[in-house]
N, C-alpha and C. Protein backbone atom coordinates (compact mmCIF):
# COMPACT_ATOMS: atom_id res chain seq x y z
N MET A 1 28.66 -10.29 12.25
CA MET A 1 27.90 -9.05 12.27
C MET A 1 27.26 -8.76 10.91
N ALA A 2 28.05 -8.92 9.85
CA ALA A 2 27.53 -8.66 8.50
C ALA A 2 26.40 -9.63 8.17
N THR A 3 26.53 -10.88 8.63
CA THR A 3 25.48 -11.87 8.39
C THR A 3 24.20 -11.49 9.11
N GLU A 4 24.33 -10.99 10.36
CA GLU A 4 23.14 -10.56 11.12
C GLU A 4 22.44 -9.42 10.40
N LEU A 5 23.20 -8.44 9.92
CA LEU A 5 22.61 -7.33 9.18
C LEU A 5 21.94 -7.83 7.91
N SER A 6 22.59 -8.74 7.24
CA SER A 6 22.02 -9.32 6.03
C SER A 6 20.71 -10.04 6.33
N ASN A 7 20.68 -10.82 7.41
CA ASN A 7 19.46 -11.52 7.81
C ASN A 7 18.35 -10.55 8.19
N MET A 8 18.72 -9.46 8.89
CA MET A 8 17.72 -8.46 9.27
C MET A 8 17.14 -7.78 8.04
N LYS A 9 17.99 -7.45 7.09
CA LYS A 9 17.52 -6.83 5.84
C LYS A 9 16.59 -7.78 5.09
N GLN A 10 16.98 -9.06 5.05
CA GLN A 10 16.17 -10.04 4.34
C GLN A 10 14.81 -10.21 5.02
N SER A 11 14.79 -10.22 6.36
CA SER A 11 13.53 -10.32 7.09
C SER A 11 12.63 -9.13 6.79
N GLU A 12 13.23 -7.96 6.76
CA GLU A 12 12.44 -6.75 6.48
C GLU A 12 11.92 -6.78 5.04
N LEU A 13 12.73 -7.25 4.11
CA LEU A 13 12.28 -7.35 2.72
C LEU A 13 11.17 -8.39 2.57
N ASN A 14 11.28 -9.50 3.30
CA ASN A 14 10.22 -10.51 3.27
C ASN A 14 8.92 -9.94 3.82
N ARG A 15 9.02 -9.18 4.91
CA ARG A 15 7.84 -8.54 5.48
C ARG A 15 7.21 -7.57 4.48
N ALA A 16 8.06 -6.78 3.84
CA ALA A 16 7.56 -5.80 2.86
C ALA A 16 6.86 -6.49 1.69
N LYS A 17 7.46 -7.55 1.18
CA LYS A 17 6.84 -8.27 0.07
C LYS A 17 5.50 -8.87 0.48
N PHE A 18 5.45 -9.49 1.65
CA PHE A 18 4.22 -10.08 2.12
C PHE A 18 3.14 -9.00 2.30
N ALA A 19 3.51 -7.87 2.88
CA ALA A 19 2.57 -6.77 3.09
C ALA A 19 2.05 -6.24 1.76
N TYR A 20 2.94 -6.10 0.80
CA TYR A 20 2.55 -5.64 -0.53
C TYR A 20 1.52 -6.59 -1.14
N ASP A 21 1.78 -7.88 -1.02
CA ASP A 21 0.85 -8.89 -1.54
C ASP A 21 -0.49 -8.85 -0.79
N CYS A 22 -0.43 -8.59 0.52
CA CYS A 22 -1.66 -8.49 1.32
C CYS A 22 -2.55 -7.37 0.79
N VAL A 23 -1.96 -6.22 0.59
CA VAL A 23 -2.74 -5.08 0.10
C VAL A 23 -3.24 -5.34 -1.31
N ASN A 24 -2.41 -5.92 -2.15
CA ASN A 24 -2.85 -6.24 -3.52
C ASN A 24 -4.03 -7.20 -3.52
N SER A 25 -4.06 -8.13 -2.56
CA SER A 25 -5.16 -9.09 -2.52
C SER A 25 -6.49 -8.42 -2.19
N VAL A 26 -6.45 -7.27 -1.56
CA VAL A 26 -7.66 -6.55 -1.18
C VAL A 26 -8.17 -5.68 -2.32
N LEU A 27 -7.31 -5.37 -3.27
CA LEU A 27 -7.68 -4.45 -4.35
C LEU A 27 -8.82 -4.96 -5.22
N SER A 28 -9.05 -6.26 -5.22
CA SER A 28 -10.15 -6.82 -6.02
C SER A 28 -11.49 -6.79 -5.27
N LYS A 29 -11.48 -6.37 -4.02
CA LYS A 29 -12.70 -6.31 -3.21
C LYS A 29 -13.49 -5.04 -3.54
N SER A 30 -14.67 -4.92 -2.96
CA SER A 30 -15.50 -3.73 -3.18
C SER A 30 -14.79 -2.49 -2.63
N GLN A 31 -15.19 -1.34 -3.12
CA GLN A 31 -14.58 -0.08 -2.67
C GLN A 31 -14.77 0.11 -1.17
N LYS A 32 -15.95 -0.21 -0.66
CA LYS A 32 -16.22 -0.07 0.78
C LYS A 32 -15.32 -0.99 1.60
N THR A 33 -15.10 -2.21 1.13
CA THR A 33 -14.22 -3.14 1.83
C THR A 33 -12.79 -2.62 1.82
N LYS A 34 -12.34 -2.10 0.68
CA LYS A 34 -10.99 -1.54 0.59
C LYS A 34 -10.83 -0.37 1.55
N GLU A 35 -11.83 0.51 1.59
CA GLU A 35 -11.76 1.67 2.48
C GLU A 35 -11.75 1.24 3.94
N SER A 36 -12.57 0.24 4.28
CA SER A 36 -12.57 -0.28 5.64
C SER A 36 -11.22 -0.90 5.98
N TYR A 37 -10.69 -1.68 5.08
CA TYR A 37 -9.39 -2.32 5.28
C TYR A 37 -8.32 -1.27 5.54
N LYS A 38 -8.29 -0.25 4.70
CA LYS A 38 -7.29 0.81 4.83
C LYS A 38 -7.39 1.47 6.21
N SER A 39 -8.59 1.74 6.64
CA SER A 39 -8.80 2.36 7.94
C SER A 39 -8.36 1.44 9.08
N TYR A 40 -8.73 0.18 9.00
CA TYR A 40 -8.46 -0.75 10.10
C TYR A 40 -6.98 -1.10 10.22
N VAL A 41 -6.28 -1.25 9.10
CA VAL A 41 -4.85 -1.59 9.21
C VAL A 41 -4.06 -0.45 9.86
N LYS A 42 -4.59 0.76 9.77
CA LYS A 42 -3.95 1.88 10.45
C LYS A 42 -4.20 1.84 11.96
N LYS A 43 -5.31 1.23 12.36
CA LYS A 43 -5.69 1.19 13.78
C LYS A 43 -5.16 -0.04 14.52
N ILE A 44 -4.85 -1.09 13.81
CA ILE A 44 -4.44 -2.36 14.44
C ILE A 44 -3.24 -2.17 15.38
N PRO A 45 -2.17 -1.46 14.99
CA PRO A 45 -1.06 -1.29 15.93
C PRO A 45 -1.48 -0.64 17.25
N THR A 46 -2.39 0.31 17.19
CA THR A 46 -2.87 0.94 18.42
C THR A 46 -3.67 -0.06 19.25
N TYR A 47 -4.51 -0.85 18.61
CA TYR A 47 -5.25 -1.89 19.33
C TYR A 47 -4.29 -2.83 20.05
N ILE A 48 -3.21 -3.20 19.37
CA ILE A 48 -2.23 -4.12 19.96
C ILE A 48 -1.53 -3.46 21.14
N GLN A 49 -1.13 -2.21 20.98
CA GLN A 49 -0.41 -1.53 22.05
C GLN A 49 -1.29 -1.30 23.27
N VAL A 50 -2.57 -1.03 23.07
CA VAL A 50 -3.47 -0.75 24.19
C VAL A 50 -3.97 -2.04 24.84
N ASN A 51 -4.33 -3.04 24.03
CA ASN A 51 -4.98 -4.25 24.54
C ASN A 51 -4.10 -5.48 24.57
N GLY A 52 -2.91 -5.40 24.03
CA GLY A 52 -2.06 -6.57 23.87
C GLY A 52 -2.46 -7.31 22.60
N LEU A 53 -1.57 -8.15 22.13
CA LEU A 53 -1.84 -8.87 20.88
C LEU A 53 -3.05 -9.78 21.01
N ALA A 54 -3.15 -10.52 22.11
CA ALA A 54 -4.28 -11.43 22.28
C ALA A 54 -5.60 -10.67 22.29
N GLY A 55 -5.66 -9.55 22.97
CA GLY A 55 -6.88 -8.74 23.00
C GLY A 55 -7.24 -8.20 21.64
N ALA A 56 -6.24 -7.73 20.91
CA ALA A 56 -6.49 -7.20 19.56
C ALA A 56 -6.97 -8.30 18.62
N LEU A 57 -6.35 -9.48 18.72
CA LEU A 57 -6.78 -10.60 17.86
C LEU A 57 -8.18 -11.06 18.21
N ALA A 58 -8.51 -11.06 19.50
CA ALA A 58 -9.87 -11.44 19.91
C ALA A 58 -10.88 -10.44 19.35
N PHE A 59 -10.53 -9.16 19.36
CA PHE A 59 -11.41 -8.13 18.79
C PHE A 59 -11.59 -8.35 17.29
N ILE A 60 -10.49 -8.56 16.58
CA ILE A 60 -10.56 -8.79 15.13
C ILE A 60 -11.39 -10.04 14.85
N PHE A 61 -11.15 -11.09 15.62
CA PHE A 61 -11.90 -12.35 15.46
C PHE A 61 -13.40 -12.11 15.62
N SER A 62 -13.77 -11.29 16.60
CA SER A 62 -15.20 -11.05 16.85
C SER A 62 -15.85 -10.22 15.75
N LYS A 63 -15.06 -9.46 15.01
CA LYS A 63 -15.60 -8.58 13.97
C LYS A 63 -15.57 -9.20 12.57
N LYS A 64 -14.79 -10.27 12.39
CA LYS A 64 -14.62 -10.82 11.04
C LYS A 64 -15.85 -11.62 10.62
N GLY A 65 -16.00 -11.75 9.33
CA GLY A 65 -17.12 -12.52 8.81
C GLY A 65 -17.37 -12.16 7.35
N GLU A 66 -18.59 -12.39 6.92
CA GLU A 66 -18.96 -12.07 5.55
C GLU A 66 -20.28 -11.31 5.56
N GLY A 67 -20.53 -10.61 4.48
CA GLY A 67 -21.81 -9.94 4.35
C GLY A 67 -21.76 -8.43 4.44
N SER A 68 -20.71 -7.89 5.04
CA SER A 68 -20.57 -6.44 5.08
C SER A 68 -19.11 -6.08 4.83
N PRO A 69 -18.85 -4.88 4.33
CA PRO A 69 -17.47 -4.46 4.09
C PRO A 69 -16.61 -4.51 5.35
N THR A 70 -17.19 -4.13 6.49
CA THR A 70 -16.45 -4.16 7.75
C THR A 70 -16.02 -5.58 8.09
N LYS A 71 -16.95 -6.52 8.02
CA LYS A 71 -16.65 -7.91 8.35
C LYS A 71 -15.63 -8.50 7.37
N GLU A 72 -15.78 -8.17 6.10
CA GLU A 72 -14.84 -8.66 5.08
C GLU A 72 -13.43 -8.14 5.33
N ALA A 73 -13.33 -6.86 5.70
CA ALA A 73 -12.02 -6.26 5.96
C ALA A 73 -11.35 -6.93 7.15
N TYR A 74 -12.09 -7.12 8.23
CA TYR A 74 -11.52 -7.78 9.41
C TYR A 74 -11.17 -9.24 9.12
N LYS A 75 -11.97 -9.89 8.31
CA LYS A 75 -11.68 -11.28 7.93
C LYS A 75 -10.35 -11.35 7.19
N GLU A 76 -10.14 -10.42 6.29
CA GLU A 76 -8.90 -10.38 5.51
C GLU A 76 -7.70 -10.11 6.42
N ILE A 77 -7.84 -9.18 7.33
CA ILE A 77 -6.76 -8.84 8.27
C ILE A 77 -6.40 -10.06 9.13
N TYR A 78 -7.41 -10.72 9.67
CA TYR A 78 -7.18 -11.91 10.51
C TYR A 78 -6.44 -12.99 9.73
N LYS A 79 -6.88 -13.23 8.50
CA LYS A 79 -6.26 -14.25 7.65
C LYS A 79 -4.82 -13.88 7.34
N GLN A 80 -4.56 -12.61 7.09
CA GLN A 80 -3.21 -12.18 6.76
C GLN A 80 -2.26 -12.35 7.94
N ILE A 81 -2.71 -12.03 9.13
CA ILE A 81 -1.88 -12.25 10.32
C ILE A 81 -1.60 -13.73 10.47
N ASP A 82 -2.62 -14.54 10.35
CA ASP A 82 -2.47 -15.99 10.47
C ASP A 82 -1.48 -16.52 9.44
N ASP A 83 -1.62 -16.10 8.20
CA ASP A 83 -0.72 -16.57 7.13
C ASP A 83 0.73 -16.17 7.41
N TRP A 84 0.93 -14.94 7.88
CA TRP A 84 2.29 -14.47 8.16
C TRP A 84 2.93 -15.30 9.28
N LEU A 85 2.18 -15.57 10.32
CA LEU A 85 2.73 -16.34 11.44
C LEU A 85 2.96 -17.80 11.06
N LYS A 86 2.15 -18.34 10.17
CA LYS A 86 2.39 -19.69 9.67
C LYS A 86 3.72 -19.75 8.91
N GLN A 87 3.97 -18.74 8.11
CA GLN A 87 5.18 -18.71 7.29
C GLN A 87 6.43 -18.44 8.11
N ASN A 88 6.32 -17.59 9.12
CA ASN A 88 7.52 -17.08 9.77
C ASN A 88 7.75 -17.52 11.20
N LEU A 89 6.73 -17.98 11.87
CA LEU A 89 6.90 -18.42 13.25
C LEU A 89 6.42 -19.85 13.46
N LYS A 90 6.29 -20.56 12.38
CA LYS A 90 5.97 -21.99 12.42
C LYS A 90 4.67 -22.31 13.15
N LYS A 91 3.69 -21.42 12.99
CA LYS A 91 2.36 -21.71 13.56
C LYS A 91 1.76 -22.86 12.77
N ASN A 92 1.14 -23.78 13.48
CA ASN A 92 0.49 -24.93 12.87
C ASN A 92 -0.71 -24.47 12.04
N ASN A 93 -0.88 -25.01 10.86
CA ASN A 93 -1.98 -24.64 9.97
C ASN A 93 -3.36 -24.86 10.58
N ASP A 94 -3.50 -25.90 11.37
CA ASP A 94 -4.82 -26.28 11.88
C ASP A 94 -5.21 -25.55 13.16
N GLU A 95 -4.25 -24.94 13.82
CA GLU A 95 -4.52 -24.33 15.12
C GLU A 95 -5.11 -22.93 14.96
N ASP A 96 -6.12 -22.62 15.76
CA ASP A 96 -6.74 -21.31 15.74
C ASP A 96 -5.72 -20.25 16.17
N LEU A 97 -5.69 -19.13 15.49
CA LEU A 97 -4.71 -18.08 15.74
C LEU A 97 -4.77 -17.55 17.17
N VAL A 98 -5.93 -17.17 17.64
CA VAL A 98 -6.05 -16.61 18.98
C VAL A 98 -5.59 -17.63 20.02
N LYS A 99 -6.04 -18.85 19.87
CA LYS A 99 -5.66 -19.91 20.82
C LYS A 99 -4.15 -20.11 20.81
N TRP A 100 -3.55 -20.15 19.64
CA TRP A 100 -2.11 -20.34 19.52
C TRP A 100 -1.34 -19.22 20.22
N VAL A 101 -1.78 -17.98 19.99
CA VAL A 101 -1.08 -16.83 20.58
C VAL A 101 -1.17 -16.86 22.10
N ILE A 102 -2.35 -17.10 22.64
CA ILE A 102 -2.50 -17.04 24.11
C ILE A 102 -1.82 -18.21 24.82
N GLU A 103 -1.47 -19.25 24.10
CA GLU A 103 -0.79 -20.38 24.71
C GLU A 103 0.73 -20.24 24.71
N GLN A 104 1.25 -19.18 24.11
CA GLN A 104 2.70 -19.00 24.05
C GLN A 104 3.24 -18.46 25.37
N GLU A 105 4.48 -18.83 25.68
CA GLU A 105 5.11 -18.29 26.87
C GLU A 105 5.46 -16.82 26.63
N SER A 106 5.70 -16.11 27.70
CA SER A 106 5.85 -14.66 27.68
C SER A 106 6.87 -14.15 26.66
N LYS A 107 8.03 -14.76 26.62
CA LYS A 107 9.09 -14.31 25.72
C LYS A 107 8.68 -14.44 24.25
N LEU A 108 8.09 -15.56 23.89
CA LEU A 108 7.64 -15.77 22.52
C LEU A 108 6.44 -14.87 22.19
N TYR A 109 5.54 -14.68 23.16
CA TYR A 109 4.39 -13.79 22.97
C TYR A 109 4.87 -12.39 22.61
N LYS A 110 5.89 -11.91 23.29
CA LYS A 110 6.45 -10.58 22.99
C LYS A 110 7.05 -10.54 21.59
N ALA A 111 7.76 -11.61 21.22
CA ALA A 111 8.36 -11.67 19.89
C ALA A 111 7.28 -11.68 18.80
N ILE A 112 6.21 -12.42 19.04
CA ILE A 112 5.09 -12.46 18.08
C ILE A 112 4.46 -11.08 17.96
N THR A 113 4.29 -10.41 19.08
CA THR A 113 3.72 -9.06 19.08
C THR A 113 4.57 -8.11 18.25
N ILE A 114 5.86 -8.14 18.46
CA ILE A 114 6.78 -7.27 17.71
C ILE A 114 6.71 -7.60 16.22
N GLU A 115 6.64 -8.87 15.90
CA GLU A 115 6.57 -9.30 14.50
C GLU A 115 5.29 -8.78 13.83
N VAL A 116 4.16 -8.90 14.50
CA VAL A 116 2.89 -8.44 13.93
C VAL A 116 2.90 -6.91 13.79
N LEU A 117 3.44 -6.21 14.77
CA LEU A 117 3.54 -4.75 14.67
C LEU A 117 4.42 -4.34 13.48
N SER A 118 5.52 -5.04 13.29
CA SER A 118 6.42 -4.75 12.16
C SER A 118 5.72 -5.00 10.83
N LEU A 119 4.96 -6.08 10.78
CA LEU A 119 4.21 -6.38 9.56
C LEU A 119 3.20 -5.27 9.26
N PHE A 120 2.49 -4.82 10.27
CA PHE A 120 1.47 -3.79 10.04
C PHE A 120 2.05 -2.43 9.71
N SER A 121 3.28 -2.21 10.08
CA SER A 121 3.94 -0.99 9.66
C SER A 121 4.03 -0.96 8.13
N TRP A 122 4.37 -2.09 7.54
CA TRP A 122 4.43 -2.20 6.08
C TRP A 122 3.05 -2.21 5.44
N ILE A 123 2.14 -2.97 5.99
CA ILE A 123 0.79 -3.04 5.41
C ILE A 123 0.16 -1.64 5.39
N ARG A 124 0.30 -0.91 6.48
CA ARG A 124 -0.26 0.44 6.55
C ARG A 124 0.30 1.33 5.44
N ARG A 125 1.60 1.28 5.25
CA ARG A 125 2.23 2.11 4.20
C ARG A 125 1.69 1.78 2.82
N PHE A 126 1.61 0.49 2.51
CA PHE A 126 1.13 0.10 1.19
C PHE A 126 -0.36 0.39 1.02
N ALA A 127 -1.14 0.21 2.07
CA ALA A 127 -2.58 0.51 2.00
C ALA A 127 -2.79 2.00 1.72
N GLU A 128 -2.03 2.84 2.39
CA GLU A 128 -2.16 4.29 2.17
C GLU A 128 -1.82 4.66 0.73
N GLY A 129 -0.85 3.97 0.15
CA GLY A 129 -0.42 4.29 -1.21
C GLY A 129 -1.26 3.66 -2.31
N LYS A 130 -1.84 2.51 -2.05
CA LYS A 130 -2.50 1.77 -3.11
C LYS A 130 -4.02 1.82 -3.08
N ILE A 131 -4.60 2.13 -1.94
CA ILE A 131 -6.07 2.14 -1.83
C ILE A 131 -6.55 3.58 -1.84
N GLU A 132 -7.31 3.88 -2.86
CA GLU A 132 -7.85 5.22 -3.01
C GLU A 132 -9.18 5.34 -2.29
N GLY A 133 -9.59 6.54 -2.02
CA GLY A 133 -10.90 6.77 -1.44
C GLY A 133 -10.84 7.16 0.02
N GLU A 134 -12.00 7.52 0.49
CA GLU A 134 -12.13 7.94 1.90
C GLU A 134 -11.96 6.75 2.81
N GLU A 135 -11.45 7.03 3.99
CA GLU A 135 -11.30 5.98 4.98
C GLU A 135 -12.59 5.81 5.76
N ASN A 136 -12.85 4.59 6.16
CA ASN A 136 -13.99 4.28 6.99
C ASN A 136 -13.60 4.59 8.43
N ASN A 137 -14.29 5.49 9.08
CA ASN A 137 -13.92 5.92 10.41
C ASN A 137 -14.84 5.37 11.49
N GLU A 138 -15.16 4.10 11.39
CA GLU A 138 -16.01 3.46 12.40
C GLU A 138 -15.25 3.29 13.69
């Protein structure tokens, strides 16, 4: 029992550290990109709950890119989810994130969803504390 609690605490600390690093990586971006990022990381859990993880990832995938703060923010979010799943759920580096998620069996899909929601709980907290300025309400 004590080992399980210790492992759970360690998992939560790993998530917190990764989320902190995610937000820090955005701090060097333009103010508009930071504001967009802050706004979107707050909305991602709702997207997941309403549309499912695959639907939310497909939405993020369709919005990511370069050239505008919105696209840059979604690109960063997509990359961060991908990096987290590579580190913690043994996702293959070469496999597309959306494709990988939709190919999982139901039980693992649910576990991945819970993991991403837990990660965004931390990212949202750090984004609110570290990114100044108005939120982008697109």
